[in-house]
């Protein structure tokens, strides 16, 4: 089954947190990093956001989630986000802090025109490779845990509907129902940055309508 993943690192900076909706909200990600960077007018950006939400509602609405189920999903996903981000930051920051002095010294030397030491480049490459492996392991652990928790919330019928929707994405692939369910969880509940906000909006409408 083709893997659809949970930033290629340049300096292992905090940019690693722009990851799968578990790091920043869509609103935060849309902010420009400099005055020269293109930025959509807010009204237009909001419309694009609503279009993206509509696409997710096209997937979520057929499930017929109850207000209680939605609230449970929100709680589960929020908790997973916090734990994931804390672990991801630790994976990135701890190794960097050990090289802090060397990084500062290398930059100061480079400012004078000195060549970048080959061993420094190799250390950074090794750091990146180690981080990528550890992040992949973390992604897989998070997916497995989250999928199990979500499976415990939804009904057998809803589980089957999620599996069927995932199979439509990769109709020629062979996999178990659990693998396709994991794919659904990854794409809808992990990768979509606004999933918590959208679920909360769905909950508000359902509770307001007395459902």
Protein backbone atom coordinates (compact mmCIF):
# COMPACT_ATOMS: atom_id res chain seq x y z
CA UNK A 1 0.00 0.00 0.00
CA UNK A 2 1.49 3.31 -1.06
CA UNK A 3 2.58 5.33 1.92
CA UNK A 4 0.99 8.73 2.33
CA UNK A 5 3.09 10.43 4.93
CA UNK A 6 1.95 11.78 8.45
CA UNK A 7 10.08 19.88 5.46
CA UNK A 8 13.01 18.91 4.43
CA UNK A 9 15.30 20.34 7.12
CA UNK A 10 17.80 23.01 6.20
CA UNK A 11 19.19 23.74 9.63
CA UNK A 12 16.86 21.65 11.80
CA UNK A 13 15.14 24.83 12.92
CA UNK A 14 11.70 25.15 14.41
CA UNK A 15 10.31 25.07 10.86
CA UNK A 16 10.00 21.33 11.41
CA UNK A 17 6.81 22.10 13.28
CA UNK A 18 4.98 22.94 10.07
CA UNK A 19 3.89 19.37 9.93
CA UNK A 20 0.64 17.56 9.20
CA UNK A 21 -1.67 19.83 11.05
CA UNK A 22 -0.17 18.68 14.34
CA UNK A 23 2.04 21.74 14.59
CA UNK A 24 0.36 24.88 13.38
CA UNK A 25 -3.12 25.97 12.49
CA UNK A 26 -3.89 26.86 8.89
CA UNK A 27 -4.23 30.47 9.96
CA UNK A 28 -0.69 30.50 11.39
CA UNK A 29 0.75 28.77 8.35
CA UNK A 30 -0.76 31.39 6.05
CA UNK A 31 1.13 34.24 7.66
CA UNK A 32 4.03 35.60 5.55
CA UNK A 33 7.55 35.32 6.94
CA UNK A 34 8.66 38.60 5.42
CA UNK A 35 7.23 41.84 4.08
CA UNK A 36 8.19 40.81 0.54
CA UNK A 37 6.27 37.56 0.61
CA UNK A 38 2.97 37.39 -1.23
CA UNK A 39 -0.09 37.40 0.99
CA UNK A 40 -3.68 36.92 -0.05
CA UNK A 41 -6.25 39.44 1.16
CA UNK A 42 -7.90 38.05 4.30
CA UNK A 43 -11.31 37.82 2.65
CA UNK A 44 -9.89 35.71 -0.18
CA UNK A 45 -7.85 33.55 2.22
CA UNK A 46 -11.00 32.93 4.28
CA UNK A 47 -12.84 31.78 1.15
CA UNK A 48 -10.07 29.30 0.32
CA UNK A 49 -10.29 28.04 3.90
CA UNK A 50 -14.03 27.51 3.57
CA UNK A 51 -13.54 25.62 0.30
CA UNK A 52 -11.04 23.33 2.04
CA UNK A 53 -13.50 22.81 4.90
CA UNK A 54 -16.26 21.96 2.43
CA UNK A 55 -14.05 19.27 0.90
CA UNK A 56 -13.53 17.71 4.33
CA UNK A 57 -17.23 17.96 5.16
CA UNK A 58 -17.90 16.05 1.96
CA UNK A 59 -16.01 13.19 3.62
CA UNK A 60 -17.16 13.64 7.22
CA UNK A 61 -20.89 14.28 6.76
CA UNK A 62 -21.74 10.81 5.35
CA UNK A 63 -20.38 9.27 8.55
CA UNK A 64 -23.27 10.69 10.53
CA UNK A 65 -21.14 11.45 13.57
CA UNK A 66 -23.13 12.33 16.68
CA UNK A 67 -22.35 15.35 18.84
CA UNK A 68 -20.91 13.04 21.49
CA UNK A 69 -18.70 11.23 18.99
CA UNK A 70 -17.45 14.54 17.61
CA UNK A 71 -16.59 15.80 21.08
CA UNK A 72 -14.69 12.61 21.83
CA UNK A 73 -12.74 12.96 18.57
CA UNK A 74 -11.84 16.58 19.39
CA UNK A 75 -10.52 15.56 22.81
CA UNK A 76 -8.50 12.67 21.37
CA UNK A 77 -6.96 14.70 18.54
CA UNK A 78 -6.09 17.69 20.75
CA UNK A 79 -4.31 15.42 23.20
CA UNK A 80 -2.42 13.70 20.38
CA UNK A 81 -1.38 17.07 18.93
CA UNK A 82 0.10 18.24 22.22
CA UNK A 83 2.04 15.03 22.81
CA UNK A 84 3.26 14.88 19.19
CA UNK A 85 4.50 18.48 19.14
CA UNK A 86 6.29 18.11 22.47
CA UNK A 87 8.12 15.00 21.28
CA UNK A 88 8.90 16.52 17.87
CA UNK A 89 10.41 19.64 19.40
CA UNK A 90 12.54 17.52 21.72
CA UNK A 91 13.80 15.43 18.81
CA UNK A 92 14.90 18.58 16.98
CA UNK A 93 16.09 20.83 19.79
CA UNK A 94 18.11 18.47 22.00
CA UNK A 95 20.68 17.53 19.31
CA UNK A 96 20.92 21.16 18.17
CA UNK A 97 21.67 22.46 21.64
CA UNK A 98 24.63 20.10 21.88
CA UNK A 99 26.11 21.75 18.78
CA UNK A 100 25.20 25.32 19.72
CA UNK A 101 28.76 26.53 20.38
CA UNK A 102 30.09 24.92 17.23
CA UNK A 103 27.27 26.40 15.14
CA UNK A 104 27.91 29.91 16.48
CA UNK A 105 31.66 29.61 15.89
CA UNK A 106 31.21 28.25 12.38
CA UNK A 107 28.96 31.15 11.42
CA UNK A 108 31.38 33.74 12.81
CA UNK A 109 34.24 32.13 10.89
CA UNK A 110 32.14 31.99 7.72
CA UNK A 111 31.39 35.71 8.04
CA UNK A 112 35.14 36.36 7.72
CA UNK A 113 35.20 34.38 4.47
CA UNK A 114 36.53 31.14 5.92
CA UNK A 115 35.32 27.91 4.24
CA UNK A 116 32.70 25.81 5.98
CA UNK A 117 34.47 22.79 7.56
CA UNK A 118 33.56 19.49 5.91
CA UNK A 119 33.13 17.82 9.27
CA UNK A 120 30.56 20.45 10.22
CA UNK A 121 28.56 19.77 7.05
CA UNK A 122 28.71 16.05 7.78
CA UNK A 123 27.50 16.57 11.35
CA UNK A 124 24.49 18.52 10.11
CA UNK A 125 23.70 15.89 7.49
CA UNK A 126 23.94 13.14 10.11
CA UNK A 127 21.71 15.17 12.39
CA UNK A 128 19.13 15.55 9.63
CA UNK A 129 19.17 11.85 8.79
CA UNK A 130 18.77 10.87 12.43
CA UNK A 131 15.93 13.33 12.88
CA UNK A 132 14.09 12.11 9.77
CA UNK A 133 14.23 8.52 11.00
CA UNK A 134 13.09 9.44 14.50
CA UNK A 135 10.32 11.64 13.11
CA UNK A 136 9.09 8.81 10.90
CA UNK A 137 9.02 6.51 13.92
CA UNK A 138 7.10 9.15 15.88
CA UNK A 139 4.65 9.61 13.01
CA UNK A 140 3.96 5.89 12.89
CA UNK A 141 3.53 5.64 16.65
CA UNK A 142 1.17 8.61 16.65
CA UNK A 143 -0.88 7.22 13.77
CA UNK A 144 -1.24 3.81 15.39
CA UNK A 145 -2.26 5.28 18.74
CA UNK A 146 -4.67 7.79 17.22
CA UNK A 147 -6.24 5.23 14.89
CA UNK A 148 -6.87 2.86 17.81
CA UNK A 149 -8.50 5.61 19.87
CA UNK A 150 -10.68 6.82 17.00
CA UNK A 151 -11.68 3.24 16.21
CA UNK A 152 -12.94 2.93 19.80
CA UNK A 153 -15.21 5.95 19.29
CA UNK A 154 -16.84 5.20 15.95
CA UNK A 155 -19.38 2.46 15.22
CA UNK A 156 -18.68 -0.57 13.04
CA UNK A 157 -20.73 1.05 10.28
CA UNK A 158 -18.74 4.29 10.46
CA UNK A 159 -15.48 2.31 10.48
CA UNK A 160 -16.55 0.50 7.30
CA UNK A 161 -17.52 3.79 5.65
CA UNK A 162 -14.09 5.26 6.43
CA UNK A 163 -12.41 2.17 4.99
CA UNK A 164 -14.53 2.34 1.84
CA UNK A 165 -13.72 6.02 1.33
CA UNK A 166 -10.01 5.32 1.71
CA UNK A 167 -10.18 2.45 -0.78
CA UNK A 168 -11.57 4.85 -3.38
CA UNK A 169 -8.38 6.91 -3.08
CA UNK A 170 -6.21 3.89 -3.92
CA UNK A 171 -8.53 1.45 -5.69
CA UNK A 172 -5.71 -0.64 -7.16
CA UNK A 173 -3.84 -1.16 -3.90
CA UNK A 174 -4.22 -4.22 -1.73
CA UNK A 175 -4.45 -3.75 1.99
CA UNK A 176 -6.39 -4.72 5.08
CA UNK A 177 -9.36 -2.76 6.42
CA UNK A 178 -7.14 -1.55 9.26
CA UNK A 179 -4.54 -0.21 6.83
CA UNK A 180 -7.19 1.69 4.91
CA UNK A 181 -8.70 2.96 8.14
CA UNK A 182 -5.25 4.20 9.16
CA UNK A 183 -4.99 5.95 5.80
CA UNK A 184 -8.31 7.68 6.42
CA UNK A 185 -7.20 8.76 9.91
CA UNK A 186 -3.91 10.08 8.57
CA UNK A 187 -5.44 12.11 5.75
CA UNK A 188 -8.50 13.45 7.56
CA UNK A 189 -7.65 13.63 11.25
CA UNK A 190 -3.88 14.19 11.13
CA UNK A 191 -2.93 15.92 7.91
CA UNK A 192 -5.76 18.48 7.77
CA UNK A 193 -4.58 21.50 9.83
CA UNK A 194 -8.10 22.74 10.60
CA UNK A 195 -9.62 19.42 11.64
CA UNK A 196 -10.15 20.38 15.29
CA UNK A 197 -11.71 23.73 14.36
CA UNK A 198 -13.95 22.05 11.80
CA UNK A 199 -15.07 19.34 14.21
CA UNK A 200 -15.83 21.96 16.84
CA UNK A 201 -17.96 23.86 14.32
CA UNK A 202 -19.80 20.64 13.47
CA UNK A 203 -20.38 20.04 17.18
CA UNK A 204 -21.77 23.54 17.67
CA UNK A 205 -24.25 23.07 14.83
CA UNK A 206 -25.36 19.66 16.05
CA UNK A 207 -25.83 20.71 19.66
CA UNK A 208 -27.58 23.88 18.52
CA UNK A 209 -29.95 21.80 16.44
CA UNK A 210 -30.61 19.49 19.37
CA UNK A 211 -29.09 16.47 17.69
